Every structure is written in structure tokens, then in C-alpha cells.
């Protein structure tokens, strides 16, 4: 298989890596936020 443009492939791969990393950080932040909300509920803090 001959890659027509290696820079295009590199850009495509880099874009996917960036997107996956971004989604990973969003999932982690959401999990941490959910945990904090549960801790606040257990402590009896009201909003």
C-alpha cells in the first residue's frame, strides 16, 4: 500500500489523538463532578 500523502495521514492521526484525549478529559471531569455532587448530598449541603 502506498500512502499518497504522508502529511495528510499524519494530520488525520493527530486529529484523532487530540479528539480522543479531549473526550477522555471530559469523561474524567464529569466523573469527578458527579463524585463531588454525591459527597455534597451525603454531607447534607443544599443548593
PDB file of N, CA and C in Angstrom:
ATOM      1  N   UNK A   1       0.845  -1.181   0.000  1.00  0.00           N
ATOM      2  CA  UNK A   1       0.000   0.000   0.000  1.00  0.00           C
ATOM      3  C   UNK A   1       0.888   1.242   0.000  1.00  0.00           C
ATOM      4  N   UNK A   2       0.605   2.139  -0.904  1.00  0.00           N
ATOM      5  CA  UNK A   2       1.367   3.384  -0.998  1.00  0.00           C
ATOM      6  C   UNK A   2       0.509   4.521  -0.451  1.00  0.00           C
ATOM      7  N   UNK A   3       1.075   5.241   0.503  1.00  0.00           N
ATOM      8  CA  UNK A   3       0.361   6.383   1.062  1.00  0.00           C
ATOM      9  C   UNK A   3       0.594   7.579   0.136  1.00  0.00           C
ATOM     10  N   UNK A   4      -0.481   8.137  -0.375  1.00  0.00           N
ATOM     11  CA  UNK A   4      -0.377   9.221  -1.353  1.00  0.00           C
ATOM     12  C   UNK A   4       0.271  10.459  -0.740  1.00  0.00           C
ATOM     13  N   UNK A   5      -0.135  10.794   0.463  1.00  0.00           N
ATOM     14  CA  UNK A   5       0.422  11.974   1.104  1.00  0.00           C
ATOM     15  C   UNK A   5       0.633  11.665   2.589  1.00  0.00           C
ATOM     16  N   UNK A   6       1.877  11.423   3.002  1.00  0.00           N
ATOM     17  CA  UNK A   6       2.120  11.057   4.398  1.00  0.00           C
ATOM     18  C   UNK A   6       1.740  12.168   5.374  1.00  0.00           C
ATOM     19  N   UNK A   7       1.790  13.414   4.924  1.00  0.00           N
ATOM     20  CA  UNK A   7       1.399  14.519   5.810  1.00  0.00           C
ATOM     21  C   UNK A   7      -0.102  14.494   6.093  1.00  0.00           C
ATOM     22  N   UNK A   8      -0.879  14.109   5.100  1.00  0.00           N
ATOM     23  CA  UNK A   8      -2.321  14.000   5.288  1.00  0.00           C
ATOM     24  C   UNK A   8      -2.628  12.909   6.306  1.00  0.00           C
ATOM     25  N   UNK A   9      -1.958  11.784   6.193  1.00  0.00           N
ATOM     26  CA  UNK A   9      -2.141  10.700   7.145  1.00  0.00           C
ATOM     27  C   UNK A   9      -1.734  11.142   8.549  1.00  0.00           C
ATOM     28  N   UNK A  10      -0.618  11.856   8.665  1.00  0.00           N
ATOM     29  CA  UNK A  10      -0.147  12.333   9.969  1.00  0.00           C
ATOM     30  C   UNK A  10      -1.142  13.319  10.570  1.00  0.00           C
ATOM     31  N   UNK A  11      -1.681  14.202   9.769  1.00  0.00           N
ATOM     32  CA  UNK A  11      -2.664  15.172  10.256  1.00  0.00           C
ATOM     33  C   UNK A  11      -3.942  14.460  10.713  1.00  0.00           C
ATOM     34  N   UNK A  12      -4.366  13.466   9.959  1.00  0.00           N
ATOM     35  CA  UNK A  12      -5.559  12.694  10.312  1.00  0.00           C
ATOM     36  C   UNK A  12      -5.349  11.964  11.638  1.00  0.00           C
ATOM     37  N   UNK A  13      -4.199  11.331  11.786  1.00  0.00           N
ATOM     38  CA  UNK A  13      -3.896  10.611  13.023  1.00  0.00           C
ATOM     39  C   UNK A  13      -3.801  11.577  14.202  1.00  0.00           C
ATOM     40  N   UNK A  14      -3.146  12.701  14.012  1.00  0.00           N
ATOM     41  CA  UNK A  14      -3.013  13.685  15.089  1.00  0.00           C
ATOM     42  C   UNK A  14      -4.381  14.214  15.512  1.00  0.00           C
ATOM     43  N   UNK A  15      -5.255  14.438  14.542  1.00  0.00           N
ATOM     44  CA  UNK A  15      -6.602  14.922  14.855  1.00  0.00           C
ATOM     45  C   UNK A  15      -7.354  13.919  15.713  1.00  0.00           C
ATOM     46  N   UNK A  16      -7.268  12.639  15.375  1.00  0.00           N
ATOM     47  CA  UNK A  16      -7.953  11.625  16.168  1.00  0.00           C
ATOM     48  C   UNK A  16      -7.360  11.517  17.573  1.00  0.00           C
ATOM     49  N   UNK A  17      -6.059  11.620  17.689  1.00  0.00           N
ATOM     50  CA  UNK A  17      -5.414  11.563  19.005  1.00  0.00           C
ATOM     51  C   UNK A  17      -5.882  12.729  19.869  1.00  0.00           C
ATOM     52  N   UNK A  18      -5.946  13.914  19.283  1.00  0.00           N
ATOM     53  CA  UNK A  18      -6.406  15.096  20.020  1.00  0.00           C
ATOM     54  C   UNK A  18      -7.853  14.929  20.458  1.00  0.00           C
ATOM     55  N   UNK A  19      -8.711  14.452  19.567  1.00  0.00           N
ATOM     56  CA  UNK A  19     -10.122  14.261  19.915  1.00  0.00           C
ATOM     57  C   UNK A  19     -10.302  13.223  21.024  1.00  0.00           C
ATOM     58  N   UNK A  20      -9.595  12.129  20.933  1.00  0.00           N
ATOM     59  CA  UNK A  20      -9.698  11.085  21.960  1.00  0.00           C
ATOM     60  C   UNK A  20      -9.200  11.617  23.299  1.00  0.00           C
ATOM     61  N   UNK A  21      -8.112  12.368  23.284  1.00  0.00           N
ATOM     62  CA  UNK A  21      -7.614  12.971  24.520  1.00  0.00           C
ATOM     63  C   UNK A  21      -8.608  13.950  25.118  1.00  0.00           C
ATOM     64  N   UNK A  22      -9.216  14.752  24.278  1.00  0.00           N
ATOM     65  CA  UNK A  22     -10.217  15.717  24.744  1.00  0.00           C
ATOM     66  C   UNK A  22     -11.420  15.012  25.357  1.00  0.00           C
ATOM     67  N   UNK A  23     -11.925  13.991  24.686  1.00  0.00           N
ATOM     68  CA  UNK A  23     -13.060  13.239  25.229  1.00  0.00           C
ATOM     69  C   UNK A  23     -12.705  12.565  26.551  1.00  0.00           C
ATOM     70  N   UNK A  24     -11.468  12.084  26.670  1.00  0.00           N
ATOM     71  CA  UNK A  24     -11.023  11.471  27.914  1.00  0.00           C
ATOM     72  C   UNK A  24     -11.056  12.482  29.053  1.00  0.00           C
ATOM     73  N   UNK A  25     -10.598  13.698  28.801  1.00  0.00           N
ATOM     74  CA  UNK A  25     -10.623  14.712  29.864  1.00  0.00           C
ATOM     75  C   UNK A  25     -12.047  15.083  30.233  1.00  0.00           C
ATOM     76  N   UNK A  26     -12.945  15.140  29.262  1.00  0.00           N
ATOM     77  CA  UNK A  26     -14.343  15.451  29.564  1.00  0.00           C
ATOM     78  C   UNK A  26     -14.955  14.361  30.435  1.00  0.00           C
ATOM     79  N   UNK A  27     -14.693  13.107  30.113  1.00  0.00           N
ATOM     80  CA  UNK A  27     -15.242  11.997  30.893  1.00  0.00           C
ATOM     81  C   UNK A  27     -14.698  12.036  32.314  1.00  0.00           C
ATOM     82  N   UNK A  28     -13.404  12.306  32.478  1.00  0.00           N
ATOM     83  CA  UNK A  28     -12.813  12.390  33.818  1.00  0.00           C
ATOM     84  C   UNK A  28     -13.412  13.524  34.631  1.00  0.00           C
ATOM     85  N   UNK A  29     -13.559  14.685  33.996  1.00  0.00           N
ATOM     86  CA  UNK A  29     -14.139  15.832  34.709  1.00  0.00           C
ATOM     87  C   UNK A  29     -15.568  15.544  35.131  1.00  0.00           C
ATOM     88  N   UNK A  30     -16.344  14.926  34.257  1.00  0.00           N
ATOM     89  CA  UNK A  30     -17.726  14.602  34.586  1.00  0.00           C
ATOM     90  C   UNK A  30     -17.788  13.613  35.746  1.00  0.00           C
ATOM     91  N   UNK A  31     -16.919  12.625  35.735  1.00  0.00           N
ATOM     92  CA  UNK A  31     -16.906  11.639  36.818  1.00  0.00           C
ATOM     93  C   UNK A  31     -16.538  12.312  38.141  1.00  0.00           C
ATOM     94  N   UNK A  32     -15.553  13.215  38.099  1.00  0.00           N
ATOM     95  CA  UNK A  32     -15.159  13.909  39.326  1.00  0.00           C
ATOM     96  C   UNK A  32     -16.290  14.803  39.823  1.00  0.00           C
ATOM     97  N   UNK A  33     -16.975  15.507  38.925  1.00  0.00           N
ATOM     98  CA  UNK A  33     -18.086  16.359  39.300  1.00  0.00           C
ATOM     99  C   UNK A  33     -19.217  15.540  39.919  1.00  0.00           C
ATOM    100  N   UNK A  34     -19.507  14.401  39.307  1.00  0.00           N
ATOM    101  CA  UNK A  34     -20.564  13.530  39.826  1.00  0.00           C
ATOM    102  C   UNK A  34     -20.221  13.046  41.231  1.00  0.00           C
ATOM    103  N   UNK A  35     -18.950  12.685  41.444  1.00  0.00           N
ATOM    104  CA  UNK A  35     -18.495  12.254  42.762  1.00  0.00           C
ATOM    105  C   UNK A  35     -18.635  13.375  43.791  1.00  0.00           C
ATOM    106  N   UNK A  36     -18.279  14.589  43.419  1.00  0.00           N
ATOM    107  CA  UNK A  36     -18.379  15.731  44.328  1.00  0.00           C
ATOM    108  C   UNK A  36     -19.829  16.031  44.681  1.00  0.00           C
ATOM    109  N   UNK A  37     -20.721  15.912  43.721  1.00  0.00           N
ATOM    110  CA  UNK A  37     -22.143  16.138  43.986  1.00  0.00           C
ATOM    111  C   UNK A  37     -22.654  15.101  44.979  1.00  0.00           C
ATOM    112  N   UNK A  38     -22.271  13.844  44.789  1.00  0.00           N
ATOM    113  CA  UNK A  38     -22.687  12.794  45.721  1.00  0.00           C
ATOM    114  C   UNK A  38     -22.139  13.051  47.127  1.00  0.00           C
ATOM    115  N   UNK A  39     -20.897  13.510  47.228  1.00  0.00           N
ATOM    116  CA  UNK A  39     -20.312  13.821  48.536  1.00  0.00           C
ATOM    117  C   UNK A  39     -21.063  14.966  49.202  1.00  0.00           C
ATOM    118  N   UNK A  40     -21.445  15.955  48.430  1.00  0.00           N
ATOM    119  CA  UNK A  40     -22.192  17.076  48.982  1.00  0.00           C
ATOM    120  C   UNK A  40     -23.575  16.632  49.451  1.00  0.00           C
ATOM    121  N   UNK A  41     -24.208  15.739  48.705  1.00  0.00           N
ATOM    122  CA  UNK A  41     -25.519  15.224  49.116  1.00  0.00           C
ATOM    123  C   UNK A  41     -25.411  14.458  50.429  1.00  0.00           C
ATOM    124  N   UNK A  42     -24.353  13.661  50.548  1.00  0.00           N
ATOM    125  CA  UNK A  42     -24.151  12.900  51.792  1.00  0.00           C
ATOM    126  C   UNK A  42     -23.885  13.817  52.967  1.00  0.00           C
ATOM    127  N   UNK A  43     -23.221  14.943  52.712  1.00  0.00           N
ATOM    128  CA  UNK A  43     -22.893  15.890  53.777  1.00  0.00           C
ATOM    129  C   UNK A  43     -24.098  16.771  54.125  1.00  0.00           C
ATOM    130  N   UNK A  44     -25.135  16.722  53.310  1.00  0.00           N
ATOM    131  CA  UNK A  44     -26.343  17.489  53.591  1.00  0.00           C
ATOM    132  C   UNK A  44     -26.302  18.918  53.098  1.00  0.00           C
ATOM    133  N   UNK A  45     -25.448  19.209  52.138  1.00  0.00           N
ATOM    134  CA  UNK A  45     -25.380  20.565  51.583  1.00  0.00           C
ATOM    135  C   UNK A  45     -26.514  20.729  50.582  1.00  0.00           C
ATOM    136  N   UNK A  46     -27.228  21.839  50.705  1.00  0.00           N
ATOM    137  CA  UNK A  46     -28.341  22.098  49.783  1.00  0.00           C
ATOM    138  C   UNK A  46     -27.995  23.257  48.879  1.00  0.00           C
ATOM    139  N   UNK A  47     -28.528  23.216  47.669  1.00  0.00           N
ATOM    140  CA  UNK A  47     -28.294  24.335  46.743  1.00  0.00           C
ATOM    141  C   UNK A  47     -29.521  25.205  46.644  1.00  0.00           C
TER     142      UNK A  47
END
